[in-house]
Protein backbone atom coordinates (compact mmCIF):
# COMPACT_ATOMS: atom_id res chain seq x y z
CA UNK A 1 112.85 48.58 67.22
CA UNK A 2 111.15 49.13 70.53
CA UNK A 3 110.61 46.11 72.68
CA UNK A 4 106.94 45.36 73.30
CA UNK A 5 106.12 44.03 76.75
CA UNK A 6 103.68 41.21 77.16
CA UNK A 7 100.65 41.74 79.39
CA UNK A 8 102.16 39.77 82.26
CA UNK A 9 105.43 41.65 82.06
CA UNK A 10 103.67 45.02 81.98
CA UNK A 11 101.90 44.32 85.26
CA UNK A 12 105.13 43.08 86.77
CA UNK A 13 106.86 46.44 86.17
CA UNK A 14 104.56 48.17 88.65
CA UNK A 15 104.79 45.52 91.35
CA UNK A 16 108.53 44.99 91.08
CA UNK A 17 110.22 45.91 94.32
CA UNK A 18 106.95 46.24 96.21
CA UNK A 19 108.25 43.87 98.86
CA UNK A 20 110.83 46.49 99.77
CA UNK A 21 108.13 49.01 100.64
CA UNK A 22 105.61 46.80 102.37
CA UNK A 23 106.39 46.46 106.05
CA UNK A 24 104.76 44.57 108.82
CA UNK A 25 102.60 46.31 111.38
CA UNK A 26 105.34 46.08 113.98
CA UNK A 27 107.83 47.77 111.69
CA UNK A 28 105.42 50.59 110.76
CA UNK A 29 104.50 51.61 114.29
CA UNK A 30 106.80 54.09 115.92
CA UNK A 31 106.55 54.64 119.63
CA UNK A 32 107.23 58.20 120.71
CA UNK A 33 109.51 58.56 123.68
CA UNK A 34 108.88 60.92 126.59
CA UNK A 35 111.94 62.94 125.61
CA UNK A 36 110.46 63.70 122.20
CA UNK A 37 107.16 64.76 123.76
CA UNK A 38 108.93 67.09 126.20
CA UNK A 39 111.08 68.53 123.40
CA UNK A 40 108.14 69.43 121.18
CA UNK A 41 106.11 70.75 124.11
CA UNK A 42 109.03 73.02 125.04
CA UNK A 43 109.47 74.16 121.44
CA UNK A 44 105.76 74.95 121.23
CA UNK A 45 105.60 76.85 124.51
CA UNK A 46 108.90 78.71 124.41
CA UNK A 47 109.44 79.25 120.68
CA UNK A 48 106.20 79.03 118.70
CA UNK A 49 103.88 80.96 121.03
CA UNK A 50 106.30 83.89 121.54
CA UNK A 51 106.88 84.11 117.78
CA UNK A 52 103.11 84.17 117.20
CA UNK A 53 102.77 86.89 119.85
CA UNK A 54 105.52 88.98 118.25
CA UNK A 55 103.91 88.59 114.83
CA UNK A 56 100.55 89.71 116.26
CA UNK A 57 102.16 92.77 117.88
CA UNK A 58 103.96 93.60 114.63
CA UNK A 59 100.72 93.39 112.63
CA UNK A 60 98.86 95.55 115.15
CA UNK A 61 101.55 98.24 115.17
CA UNK A 62 101.77 98.30 111.36
CA UNK A 63 97.98 98.56 111.19
CA UNK A 64 97.96 101.51 113.61
CA UNK A 65 100.79 103.19 111.70
CA UNK A 66 98.94 102.83 108.40
CA UNK A 67 95.73 104.31 109.77
CA UNK A 68 97.54 107.35 111.17
CA UNK A 69 98.68 108.43 107.70
CA UNK A 70 96.41 110.58 105.51
CA UNK A 71 95.13 109.00 102.31
CA UNK A 72 97.28 109.52 99.23
CA UNK A 73 96.45 112.31 96.83
CA UNK A 74 94.04 111.15 94.17
CA UNK A 75 95.54 111.31 90.69
CA UNK A 76 92.88 111.42 88.02
CA UNK A 77 93.83 109.17 85.14
CA UNK A 78 91.46 109.16 82.17
CA UNK A 79 90.88 105.41 82.41
CA UNK A 80 89.82 105.51 86.08
CA UNK A 81 86.34 106.17 87.44
CA UNK A 82 84.59 105.90 84.08
CA UNK A 83 80.83 105.95 84.71
CA UNK A 84 78.61 105.59 81.66
CA UNK A 85 75.46 105.65 83.78
CA UNK A 86 74.88 106.24 87.49
CA UNK A 87 74.44 103.47 90.02
CA UNK A 88 70.76 102.52 90.54
CA UNK A 89 70.83 103.40 94.27
CA UNK A 90 71.38 106.58 96.25
CA UNK A 91 72.73 109.55 94.35
CA UNK A 92 74.30 107.30 91.70
CA UNK A 93 77.91 108.16 92.57
CA UNK A 94 78.43 105.77 95.47
CA UNK A 95 79.27 102.13 94.78
CA UNK A 96 77.50 99.34 96.63
CA UNK A 97 80.33 98.84 99.14
CA UNK A 98 81.33 102.50 99.40
CA UNK A 99 83.69 103.55 102.19
CA UNK A 100 83.64 107.35 102.68
CA UNK A 101 87.17 107.38 104.13
CA UNK A 102 88.85 105.35 101.38
CA UNK A 103 86.84 105.65 98.17
CA UNK A 104 87.27 108.76 96.05
CA UNK A 105 84.20 110.18 94.32
CA UNK A 106 84.81 112.02 91.04
CA UNK A 107 83.93 115.69 91.36
CA UNK A 108 83.57 115.49 95.16
CA UNK A 109 86.75 113.87 96.49
CA UNK A 110 86.99 112.02 99.79
CA UNK A 111 83.86 112.48 101.93
CA UNK A 112 85.62 112.01 105.28
CA UNK A 113 89.15 112.89 106.24
CA UNK A 114 91.27 110.69 108.48
């Protein structure tokens, strides 16, 4: 049969060993040495910033490479571009956030070429 704890014992289970974790203010404060400050400043300046710069250059070059390619051929699947009624603005074929270079219009195709 399971042992039932009394109310006083139940509260004691959560506070048991709390003295091990509670430290004085002097023990909790950690003074940073000048060597540690210089180390992290050097890591930031000579490692982190160059890596961020290389990542930015990589993103820019990938972005330029992607925009130089023509858009993929549109494959008409029967479940795509289903319009039961036209949009209430313009000619009814353009969505609200239409991009003429990216969005394909059924029956017309791409409005602008890259």
